[in-house]
Amino acid sequence: MTMATPGENSTRYDLFISADKIFKSSITGLEDFLKIFNMEFGVSRFSLFDGAKSSDTMVLAQDVKIHMNSGSHCAMIQGRLAKGIAIPKITVKKVTLLMEKIECLETIEFSQSVVQSFSIVERGVLFSFRYSSYSYSYKDFKEDGTLRGSAAVAIDLVKWETENS
């Protein structure tokens, strides 16, 4: 894991994924997680605007794309893809080492996810999944490792409900 350097504008971090006991690591506190190379996640809104407010809104949630190393977890992911089995919760964490302690900067939890694709690429594998709801939380730390503040949101794409904290 990389070490954050105090005073830098951007903190170095690593991304980890956990899902249904599919992944494993030897990092204390992240035993059910796997370090990933990259994640692509996006939600957008399409709406008509009448000058005062938006109307006729449609929210578009793109499939989440994960790029990672290959391993025994690949067979489990492909099995869930082939059978269409929903994964109750997939968690992606952005973590950093701050004052010699692992701190979670961001957490995204996806609920009721279904694997949509699996590909072997030059440097590992790619898989994507679709989800019915997600929650996002962010923690901001001071350089000394104390929590400065946090924010969170949960969005249910089936019920069209949002919860902020």
N, C-alpha and C. Protein backbone atom coordinates (compact mmCIF):
# COMPACT_ATOMS: atom_id res chain seq x y z
N MET A 1 0.84 -1.16 0.00
CA MET A 1 0.00 0.00 0.00
C MET A 1 0.89 1.23 0.00
N THR A 2 0.44 2.29 -0.65
CA THR A 2 1.23 3.50 -0.75
C THR A 2 1.06 4.36 0.49
N MET A 3 2.04 5.20 0.74
CA MET A 3 2.03 6.06 1.91
C MET A 3 1.65 7.47 1.51
N ALA A 4 0.69 8.05 2.21
CA ALA A 4 0.32 9.44 1.96
C ALA A 4 1.44 10.35 2.45
N THR A 5 1.73 11.38 1.70
CA THR A 5 2.75 12.34 2.08
C THR A 5 2.09 13.61 2.57
N PRO A 6 2.30 13.99 3.86
CA PRO A 6 1.66 15.20 4.38
C PRO A 6 2.02 16.41 3.53
N GLY A 7 1.04 17.29 3.34
CA GLY A 7 1.26 18.52 2.61
C GLY A 7 0.98 18.41 1.12
N GLU A 8 0.79 17.20 0.59
CA GLU A 8 0.47 17.06 -0.83
C GLU A 8 -0.98 17.46 -1.06
N ASN A 9 -1.24 18.00 -2.23
CA ASN A 9 -2.62 18.37 -2.57
C ASN A 9 -3.49 17.15 -2.76
N SER A 10 -2.92 16.07 -3.26
CA SER A 10 -3.70 14.86 -3.46
C SER A 10 -3.06 13.71 -2.69
N THR A 11 -3.87 12.98 -1.98
CA THR A 11 -3.42 11.86 -1.19
C THR A 11 -3.32 10.63 -2.09
N ARG A 12 -2.25 9.87 -1.91
CA ARG A 12 -2.14 8.60 -2.64
C ARG A 12 -3.09 7.60 -1.99
N TYR A 13 -3.68 6.76 -2.83
CA TYR A 13 -4.67 5.82 -2.32
C TYR A 13 -4.64 4.54 -3.15
N ASP A 14 -5.32 3.53 -2.64
CA ASP A 14 -5.54 2.28 -3.35
C ASP A 14 -7.03 1.98 -3.30
N LEU A 15 -7.52 1.28 -4.33
CA LEU A 15 -8.91 0.87 -4.41
C LEU A 15 -9.02 -0.62 -4.10
N PHE A 16 -10.03 -0.99 -3.32
CA PHE A 16 -10.27 -2.37 -2.95
C PHE A 16 -11.73 -2.71 -3.19
N ILE A 17 -12.00 -3.97 -3.55
CA ILE A 17 -13.38 -4.43 -3.77
C ILE A 17 -13.66 -5.64 -2.90
N SER A 18 -14.91 -5.74 -2.44
CA SER A 18 -15.39 -6.88 -1.67
C SER A 18 -16.77 -7.25 -2.20
N ALA A 19 -17.04 -8.55 -2.27
CA ALA A 19 -18.36 -9.00 -2.73
C ALA A 19 -18.57 -10.46 -2.37
N ASP A 20 -19.54 -10.73 -1.51
CA ASP A 20 -20.04 -12.09 -1.32
C ASP A 20 -18.93 -13.11 -1.06
N LYS A 21 -17.89 -12.74 -0.32
CA LYS A 21 -16.76 -13.62 0.03
C LYS A 21 -16.01 -14.13 -1.22
N ILE A 22 -16.04 -13.34 -2.30
CA ILE A 22 -15.36 -13.72 -3.54
C ILE A 22 -13.87 -13.37 -3.48
N PHE A 23 -13.54 -12.26 -2.82
CA PHE A 23 -12.17 -11.74 -2.84
C PHE A 23 -11.48 -11.95 -1.50
N LYS A 24 -10.13 -11.96 -1.54
CA LYS A 24 -9.33 -12.15 -0.33
C LYS A 24 -8.06 -11.33 -0.41
N SER A 25 -7.59 -10.87 0.77
CA SER A 25 -6.29 -10.22 0.87
C SER A 25 -5.69 -10.54 2.23
N SER A 26 -4.43 -10.23 2.39
CA SER A 26 -3.75 -10.47 3.66
C SER A 26 -3.62 -9.17 4.47
N ILE A 27 -4.32 -8.12 4.09
CA ILE A 27 -4.25 -6.84 4.78
C ILE A 27 -5.26 -6.83 5.91
N THR A 28 -4.79 -6.58 7.13
CA THR A 28 -5.64 -6.54 8.30
C THR A 28 -6.74 -5.49 8.11
N GLY A 29 -7.97 -5.93 8.33
CA GLY A 29 -9.13 -5.06 8.15
C GLY A 29 -9.71 -5.11 6.75
N LEU A 30 -8.98 -5.68 5.81
CA LEU A 30 -9.44 -5.78 4.42
C LEU A 30 -9.34 -7.23 3.93
N GLU A 31 -9.51 -8.19 4.81
CA GLU A 31 -9.33 -9.60 4.46
C GLU A 31 -10.28 -10.09 3.38
N ASP A 32 -11.48 -9.55 3.31
CA ASP A 32 -12.47 -9.96 2.29
C ASP A 32 -12.45 -9.04 1.08
N PHE A 33 -11.35 -8.31 0.89
CA PHE A 33 -11.21 -7.36 -0.21
C PHE A 33 -10.05 -7.76 -1.12
N LEU A 34 -10.05 -7.22 -2.33
CA LEU A 34 -8.97 -7.40 -3.29
C LEU A 34 -8.61 -6.02 -3.84
N LYS A 35 -7.31 -5.75 -3.92
CA LYS A 35 -6.85 -4.50 -4.51
C LYS A 35 -7.16 -4.53 -6.00
N ILE A 36 -7.72 -3.44 -6.52
CA ILE A 36 -8.05 -3.36 -7.94
C ILE A 36 -7.26 -2.23 -8.59
N PHE A 37 -7.11 -2.30 -9.91
CA PHE A 37 -6.39 -1.27 -10.64
C PHE A 37 -7.23 -0.01 -10.82
N ASN A 38 -8.51 -0.22 -11.18
CA ASN A 38 -9.33 0.91 -11.55
C ASN A 38 -10.81 0.54 -11.43
N MET A 39 -11.63 1.56 -11.23
CA MET A 39 -13.08 1.39 -11.23
C MET A 39 -13.66 2.53 -12.06
N GLU A 40 -14.66 2.22 -12.86
CA GLU A 40 -15.38 3.23 -13.63
C GLU A 40 -16.83 3.17 -13.19
N PHE A 41 -17.34 4.29 -12.68
CA PHE A 41 -18.69 4.34 -12.14
C PHE A 41 -19.28 5.71 -12.48
N GLY A 42 -20.49 5.72 -13.00
CA GLY A 42 -21.09 7.00 -13.33
C GLY A 42 -22.60 6.96 -13.32
N VAL A 43 -23.18 8.05 -12.87
CA VAL A 43 -24.61 8.24 -12.89
C VAL A 43 -24.85 9.61 -13.51
N SER A 44 -25.80 9.70 -14.41
CA SER A 44 -26.10 10.99 -15.02
C SER A 44 -27.60 11.22 -15.04
N ARG A 45 -27.96 12.44 -15.27
CA ARG A 45 -29.36 12.83 -15.27
C ARG A 45 -29.67 13.48 -16.62
N PHE A 46 -30.74 13.07 -17.22
CA PHE A 46 -31.23 13.69 -18.44
C PHE A 46 -32.55 14.37 -18.09
N SER A 47 -32.64 15.65 -18.33
CA SER A 47 -33.89 16.34 -18.03
C SER A 47 -34.11 17.49 -18.99
N LEU A 48 -35.35 17.84 -19.13
CA LEU A 48 -35.72 19.03 -19.87
C LEU A 48 -35.76 20.17 -18.87
N PHE A 49 -35.41 21.34 -19.28
CA PHE A 49 -35.35 22.47 -18.35
C PHE A 49 -36.28 23.55 -18.85
N ASP A 50 -37.23 23.98 -17.99
CA ASP A 50 -38.20 24.99 -18.42
C ASP A 50 -37.86 26.39 -17.92
N GLY A 51 -36.64 26.61 -17.48
CA GLY A 51 -36.22 27.94 -17.03
C GLY A 51 -36.24 28.11 -15.53
N ALA A 52 -37.08 27.37 -14.83
CA ALA A 52 -37.16 27.49 -13.37
C ALA A 52 -36.78 26.18 -12.67
N LYS A 53 -37.11 25.08 -13.31
CA LYS A 53 -36.81 23.77 -12.71
C LYS A 53 -36.73 22.74 -13.83
N SER A 54 -36.17 21.58 -13.50
CA SER A 54 -36.11 20.52 -14.50
C SER A 54 -37.35 19.66 -14.39
N SER A 55 -37.76 19.10 -15.50
CA SER A 55 -38.91 18.21 -15.53
C SER A 55 -38.60 17.07 -16.49
N ASP A 56 -39.47 16.10 -16.56
CA ASP A 56 -39.27 14.93 -17.42
C ASP A 56 -37.86 14.37 -17.24
N THR A 57 -37.56 14.01 -16.01
CA THR A 57 -36.22 13.57 -15.65
C THR A 57 -36.06 12.07 -15.84
N MET A 58 -34.86 11.69 -16.25
CA MET A 58 -34.49 10.29 -16.34
C MET A 58 -33.06 10.17 -15.81
N VAL A 59 -32.85 9.26 -14.86
CA VAL A 59 -31.51 9.03 -14.33
C VAL A 59 -30.93 7.82 -15.04
N LEU A 60 -29.70 7.96 -15.53
CA LEU A 60 -29.02 6.88 -16.22
C LEU A 60 -27.85 6.40 -15.37
N ALA A 61 -27.90 5.14 -14.97
CA ALA A 61 -26.84 4.56 -14.17
C ALA A 61 -26.05 3.60 -15.06
N GLN A 62 -24.81 3.95 -15.31
CA GLN A 62 -23.95 3.09 -16.14
C GLN A 62 -23.53 1.86 -15.35
N ASP A 63 -23.22 0.77 -16.06
CA ASP A 63 -22.66 -0.39 -15.40
C ASP A 63 -21.34 0.01 -14.77
N VAL A 64 -21.05 -0.54 -13.61
CA VAL A 64 -19.77 -0.32 -12.95
C VAL A 64 -18.76 -1.25 -13.60
N LYS A 65 -17.58 -0.72 -13.94
CA LYS A 65 -16.52 -1.52 -14.57
C LYS A 65 -15.33 -1.60 -13.62
N ILE A 66 -14.86 -2.81 -13.38
CA ILE A 66 -13.74 -3.07 -12.47
C ILE A 66 -12.60 -3.71 -13.25
N HIS A 67 -11.39 -3.17 -13.09
CA HIS A 67 -10.18 -3.71 -13.72
C HIS A 67 -9.29 -4.21 -12.58
N MET A 68 -8.91 -5.49 -12.64
CA MET A 68 -8.15 -6.10 -11.54
C MET A 68 -7.28 -7.23 -12.05
N ASN A 69 -6.46 -7.78 -11.16
CA ASN A 69 -5.66 -8.96 -11.47
C ASN A 69 -6.55 -10.18 -11.61
N SER A 70 -6.07 -11.17 -12.33
CA SER A 70 -6.80 -12.43 -12.42
C SER A 70 -6.48 -13.26 -11.18
N GLY A 71 -7.28 -14.27 -10.94
CA GLY A 71 -7.10 -15.15 -9.79
C GLY A 71 -8.30 -16.07 -9.67
N SER A 72 -8.37 -16.81 -8.56
CA SER A 72 -9.48 -17.76 -8.37
C SER A 72 -10.83 -17.06 -8.31
N HIS A 73 -10.83 -15.79 -7.95
CA HIS A 73 -12.09 -15.03 -7.92
C HIS A 73 -12.72 -14.93 -9.31
N CYS A 74 -11.93 -15.06 -10.35
CA CYS A 74 -12.47 -14.97 -11.73
C CYS A 74 -13.49 -16.06 -12.02
N ALA A 75 -13.24 -17.27 -11.51
CA ALA A 75 -14.18 -18.37 -11.72
C ALA A 75 -15.51 -18.08 -11.02
N MET A 76 -15.44 -17.50 -9.82
CA MET A 76 -16.67 -17.18 -9.09
C MET A 76 -17.46 -16.08 -9.79
N ILE A 77 -16.76 -15.09 -10.32
CA ILE A 77 -17.43 -14.00 -11.04
C ILE A 77 -18.10 -14.55 -12.29
N GLN A 78 -17.40 -15.40 -13.05
CA GLN A 78 -17.97 -15.97 -14.27
C GLN A 78 -19.15 -16.88 -13.96
N GLY A 79 -19.08 -17.59 -12.85
CA GLY A 79 -20.20 -18.45 -12.43
C GLY A 79 -21.45 -17.63 -12.14
N ARG A 80 -21.27 -16.52 -11.46
CA ARG A 80 -22.42 -15.65 -11.17
C ARG A 80 -22.95 -15.00 -12.45
N LEU A 81 -22.06 -14.68 -13.38
CA LEU A 81 -22.47 -14.14 -14.68
C LEU A 81 -23.32 -15.17 -15.42
N ALA A 82 -22.84 -16.40 -15.51
CA ALA A 82 -23.53 -17.45 -16.27
C ALA A 82 -24.90 -17.78 -15.68
N LYS A 83 -25.00 -17.78 -14.36
CA LYS A 83 -26.26 -18.14 -13.69
C LYS A 83 -27.17 -16.94 -13.43
N GLY A 84 -26.66 -15.72 -13.62
CA GLY A 84 -27.47 -14.53 -13.35
C GLY A 84 -27.78 -14.35 -11.87
N ILE A 85 -26.89 -14.81 -11.02
CA ILE A 85 -27.10 -14.72 -9.57
C ILE A 85 -26.80 -13.31 -9.08
N ALA A 86 -27.74 -12.73 -8.34
CA ALA A 86 -27.55 -11.39 -7.78
C ALA A 86 -26.58 -11.46 -6.60
N ILE A 87 -25.69 -10.51 -6.55
CA ILE A 87 -24.77 -10.38 -5.42
C ILE A 87 -25.39 -9.34 -4.49
N PRO A 88 -25.70 -9.70 -3.25
CA PRO A 88 -26.41 -8.78 -2.36
C PRO A 88 -25.70 -7.44 -2.15
N LYS A 89 -24.38 -7.46 -1.98
CA LYS A 89 -23.66 -6.21 -1.74
C LYS A 89 -22.24 -6.29 -2.32
N ILE A 90 -21.88 -5.29 -3.10
CA ILE A 90 -20.51 -5.12 -3.59
C ILE A 90 -20.02 -3.80 -3.01
N THR A 91 -18.86 -3.84 -2.38
CA THR A 91 -18.29 -2.65 -1.74
C THR A 91 -16.96 -2.31 -2.38
N VAL A 92 -16.79 -1.04 -2.73
CA VAL A 92 -15.50 -0.54 -3.22
C VAL A 92 -15.04 0.53 -2.24
N LYS A 93 -13.79 0.39 -1.78
CA LYS A 93 -13.23 1.35 -0.83
C LYS A 93 -11.98 2.00 -1.42
N LYS A 94 -11.86 3.29 -1.18
CA LYS A 94 -10.65 4.03 -1.51
C LYS A 94 -9.95 4.26 -0.17
N VAL A 95 -8.78 3.64 -0.01
CA VAL A 95 -8.09 3.70 1.27
C VAL A 95 -6.69 4.30 1.11
N THR A 96 -6.20 4.85 2.20
CA THR A 96 -4.87 5.42 2.23
C THR A 96 -4.22 5.08 3.56
N LEU A 97 -2.92 5.20 3.60
CA LEU A 97 -2.18 5.02 4.84
C LEU A 97 -1.88 6.42 5.37
N LEU A 98 -2.47 6.75 6.48
CA LEU A 98 -2.35 8.09 7.05
C LEU A 98 -1.90 7.95 8.50
N MET A 99 -0.76 8.52 8.82
CA MET A 99 -0.18 8.41 10.17
C MET A 99 -0.04 6.95 10.58
N GLU A 100 0.42 6.12 9.61
CA GLU A 100 0.66 4.68 9.78
C GLU A 100 -0.59 3.88 10.14
N LYS A 101 -1.76 4.41 9.75
CA LYS A 101 -3.03 3.73 9.98
C LYS A 101 -3.81 3.74 8.67
N ILE A 102 -4.44 2.61 8.33
CA ILE A 102 -5.27 2.55 7.13
C ILE A 102 -6.56 3.32 7.39
N GLU A 103 -6.83 4.31 6.54
CA GLU A 103 -8.05 5.10 6.64
C GLU A 103 -8.84 4.97 5.34
N CYS A 104 -10.14 4.86 5.47
CA CYS A 104 -11.02 4.77 4.31
C CYS A 104 -11.48 6.18 3.94
N LEU A 105 -11.12 6.62 2.74
CA LEU A 105 -11.50 7.95 2.26
C LEU A 105 -12.90 7.95 1.65
N GLU A 106 -13.18 6.93 0.86
CA GLU A 106 -14.47 6.82 0.19
C GLU A 106 -14.95 5.38 0.24
N THR A 107 -16.26 5.20 0.36
CA THR A 107 -16.87 3.88 0.31
C THR A 107 -18.09 3.96 -0.59
N ILE A 108 -18.18 3.04 -1.53
CA ILE A 108 -19.38 2.92 -2.36
C ILE A 108 -19.90 1.50 -2.19
N GLU A 109 -21.15 1.38 -1.77
CA GLU A 109 -21.78 0.07 -1.62
C GLU A 109 -22.91 -0.04 -2.63
N PHE A 110 -22.83 -1.07 -3.46
CA PHE A 110 -23.83 -1.34 -4.48
C PHE A 110 -24.69 -2.51 -4.00
N SER A 111 -26.02 -2.39 -4.11
CA SER A 111 -26.92 -3.44 -3.66
C SER A 111 -27.56 -4.16 -4.83
N GLN A 112 -27.82 -5.44 -4.63
CA GLN A 112 -28.48 -6.30 -5.61
C GLN A 112 -27.86 -6.14 -6.99
N SER A 113 -26.59 -6.51 -7.08
CA SER A 113 -25.83 -6.37 -8.32
C SER A 113 -25.83 -7.66 -9.12
N VAL A 114 -25.83 -7.51 -10.43
CA VAL A 114 -25.77 -8.65 -11.34
C VAL A 114 -24.60 -8.43 -12.29
N VAL A 115 -23.72 -9.42 -12.40
CA VAL A 115 -22.55 -9.33 -13.29
C VAL A 115 -23.06 -9.29 -14.72
N GLN A 116 -22.58 -8.31 -15.49
CA GLN A 116 -23.01 -8.11 -16.87
C GLN A 116 -21.99 -8.61 -17.89
N SER A 117 -20.68 -8.49 -17.55
CA SER A 117 -19.65 -8.90 -18.51
C SER A 117 -18.38 -9.30 -17.78
N PHE A 118 -17.57 -10.09 -18.47
CA PHE A 118 -16.27 -10.53 -17.96
C PHE A 118 -15.34 -10.64 -19.15
N SER A 119 -14.15 -10.03 -19.07
CA SER A 119 -13.18 -10.07 -20.17
C SER A 119 -11.78 -10.23 -19.62
N ILE A 120 -10.98 -11.00 -20.34
CA ILE A 120 -9.55 -11.10 -20.04
C ILE A 120 -8.86 -10.06 -20.92
N VAL A 121 -8.05 -9.22 -20.30
CA VAL A 121 -7.34 -8.17 -21.01
C VAL A 121 -5.84 -8.33 -20.76
N GLU A 122 -5.06 -7.52 -21.44
CA GLU A 122 -3.60 -7.63 -21.35
C GLU A 122 -3.10 -7.66 -19.90
N ARG A 123 -3.60 -6.77 -19.10
CA ARG A 123 -3.13 -6.66 -17.72
C ARG A 123 -4.25 -7.03 -16.76
N GLY A 124 -4.63 -8.28 -16.70
CA GLY A 124 -5.65 -8.73 -15.76
C GLY A 124 -6.98 -9.01 -16.41
N VAL A 125 -8.06 -8.65 -15.70
CA VAL A 125 -9.41 -8.90 -16.18
C VAL A 125 -10.27 -7.66 -15.95
N LEU A 126 -11.34 -7.59 -16.71
CA LEU A 126 -12.36 -6.57 -16.55
C LEU A 126 -13.69 -7.27 -16.31
N PHE A 127 -14.46 -6.76 -15.36
CA PHE A 127 -15.84 -7.23 -15.27
C PHE A 127 -16.72 -6.04 -14.95
N SER A 128 -17.98 -6.16 -15.33
CA SER A 128 -18.92 -5.08 -15.07
C SER A 128 -20.16 -5.64 -14.41
N PHE A 129 -20.84 -4.77 -13.68
CA PHE A 129 -22.08 -5.19 -13.03
C PHE A 129 -23.07 -4.03 -13.00
N ARG A 130 -24.34 -4.40 -12.92
CA ARG A 130 -25.45 -3.46 -12.81
C ARG A 130 -26.01 -3.61 -11.39
N TYR A 131 -26.60 -2.57 -10.84
CA TYR A 131 -27.03 -2.55 -9.45
C TYR A 131 -28.39 -1.85 -9.35
N SER A 132 -29.10 -2.09 -8.23
CA SER A 132 -30.41 -1.46 -8.06
C SER A 132 -30.34 -0.21 -7.17
N SER A 133 -29.35 -0.14 -6.29
CA SER A 133 -29.17 1.03 -5.44
C SER A 133 -27.71 1.11 -5.01
N TYR A 134 -27.33 2.29 -4.54
CA TYR A 134 -25.96 2.43 -4.05
C TYR A 134 -25.91 3.51 -2.98
N SER A 135 -24.88 3.42 -2.17
CA SER A 135 -24.61 4.48 -1.20
C SER A 135 -23.16 4.90 -1.37
N TYR A 136 -22.91 6.17 -1.15
CA TYR A 136 -21.58 6.74 -1.31
C TYR A 136 -21.27 7.54 -0.05
N SER A 137 -20.11 7.31 0.53
CA SER A 137 -19.69 8.10 1.69
C SER A 137 -18.26 8.57 1.49
N TYR A 138 -17.98 9.75 2.02
CA TYR A 138 -16.68 10.38 1.88
C TYR A 138 -16.24 10.91 3.23
N LYS A 139 -14.96 10.69 3.55
CA LYS A 139 -14.37 11.22 4.77
C LYS A 139 -13.18 12.08 4.40
N ASP A 140 -13.09 13.25 5.02
CA ASP A 140 -12.00 14.18 4.79
C ASP A 140 -11.14 14.22 6.05
N PHE A 141 -9.86 13.95 5.88
CA PHE A 141 -8.94 13.91 7.02
C PHE A 141 -7.96 15.07 6.97
N LYS A 142 -7.60 15.55 8.14
CA LYS A 142 -6.52 16.54 8.26
C LYS A 142 -5.20 15.81 8.11
N GLU A 143 -4.12 16.56 7.90
CA GLU A 143 -2.80 15.96 7.73
C GLU A 143 -2.34 15.17 8.94
N ASP A 144 -2.86 15.49 10.13
CA ASP A 144 -2.46 14.76 11.34
C ASP A 144 -3.28 13.49 11.55
N GLY A 145 -4.19 13.18 10.61
CA GLY A 145 -4.98 11.96 10.68
C GLY A 145 -6.32 12.10 11.37
N THR A 146 -6.66 13.27 11.87
CA THR A 146 -7.97 13.45 12.50
C THR A 146 -9.02 13.76 11.43
N LEU A 147 -10.23 13.33 11.72
CA LEU A 147 -11.33 13.51 10.77
C LEU A 147 -11.75 14.98 10.72
N ARG A 148 -11.78 15.53 9.53
CA ARG A 148 -12.19 16.93 9.32
C ARG A 148 -13.70 17.00 9.09
N GLY A 149 -14.24 16.05 8.36
CA GLY A 149 -15.67 16.04 8.07
C GLY A 149 -16.03 14.86 7.19
N SER A 150 -17.32 14.70 6.96
CA SER A 150 -17.77 13.59 6.11
C SER A 150 -19.10 13.96 5.45
N ALA A 151 -19.45 13.21 4.42
CA ALA A 151 -20.72 13.39 3.71
C ALA A 151 -21.13 12.05 3.14
N ALA A 152 -22.43 11.87 2.94
CA ALA A 152 -22.90 10.60 2.40
C ALA A 152 -24.23 10.80 1.68
N VAL A 153 -24.50 9.89 0.75
CA VAL A 153 -25.78 9.87 0.04
C VAL A 153 -26.11 8.42 -0.30
N ALA A 154 -27.39 8.11 -0.34
CA ALA A 154 -27.85 6.80 -0.78
C ALA A 154 -28.93 7.02 -1.83
N ILE A 155 -28.85 6.30 -2.94
CA ILE A 155 -29.80 6.47 -4.03
C ILE A 155 -30.35 5.10 -4.44
N ASP A 156 -31.66 4.98 -4.39
CA ASP A 156 -32.34 3.77 -4.83
C ASP A 156 -32.86 4.03 -6.23
N LEU A 157 -32.31 3.35 -7.22
CA LEU A 157 -32.69 3.59 -8.62
C LEU A 157 -33.98 2.91 -9.02
N VAL A 158 -34.49 2.01 -8.16
CA VAL A 158 -35.75 1.33 -8.44
C VAL A 158 -36.92 2.14 -7.87
N LYS A 159 -36.78 2.58 -6.62
CA LYS A 159 -37.84 3.34 -5.96
C LYS A 159 -37.72 4.84 -6.20
N TRP A 160 -36.62 5.31 -6.79
CA TRP A 160 -36.34 6.71 -7.03
C TRP A 160 -36.33 7.51 -5.74
N GLU A 161 -35.66 6.94 -4.72
CA GLU A 161 -35.54 7.61 -3.43
C GLU A 161 -34.09 7.98 -3.18
N THR A 162 -33.88 9.11 -2.51
CA THR A 162 -32.55 9.58 -2.16
C THR A 162 -32.52 9.89 -0.68
N GLU A 163 -31.41 9.55 -0.03
CA GLU A 163 -31.23 9.84 1.38
C GLU A 163 -29.85 10.46 1.56
N ASN A 164 -29.80 11.66 2.12
CA ASN A 164 -28.54 12.35 2.41
C ASN A 164 -28.26 12.31 3.89
N SER A 165 -26.98 12.39 4.23
CA SER A 165 -26.63 12.50 5.65
C SER A 165 -25.53 13.53 5.82
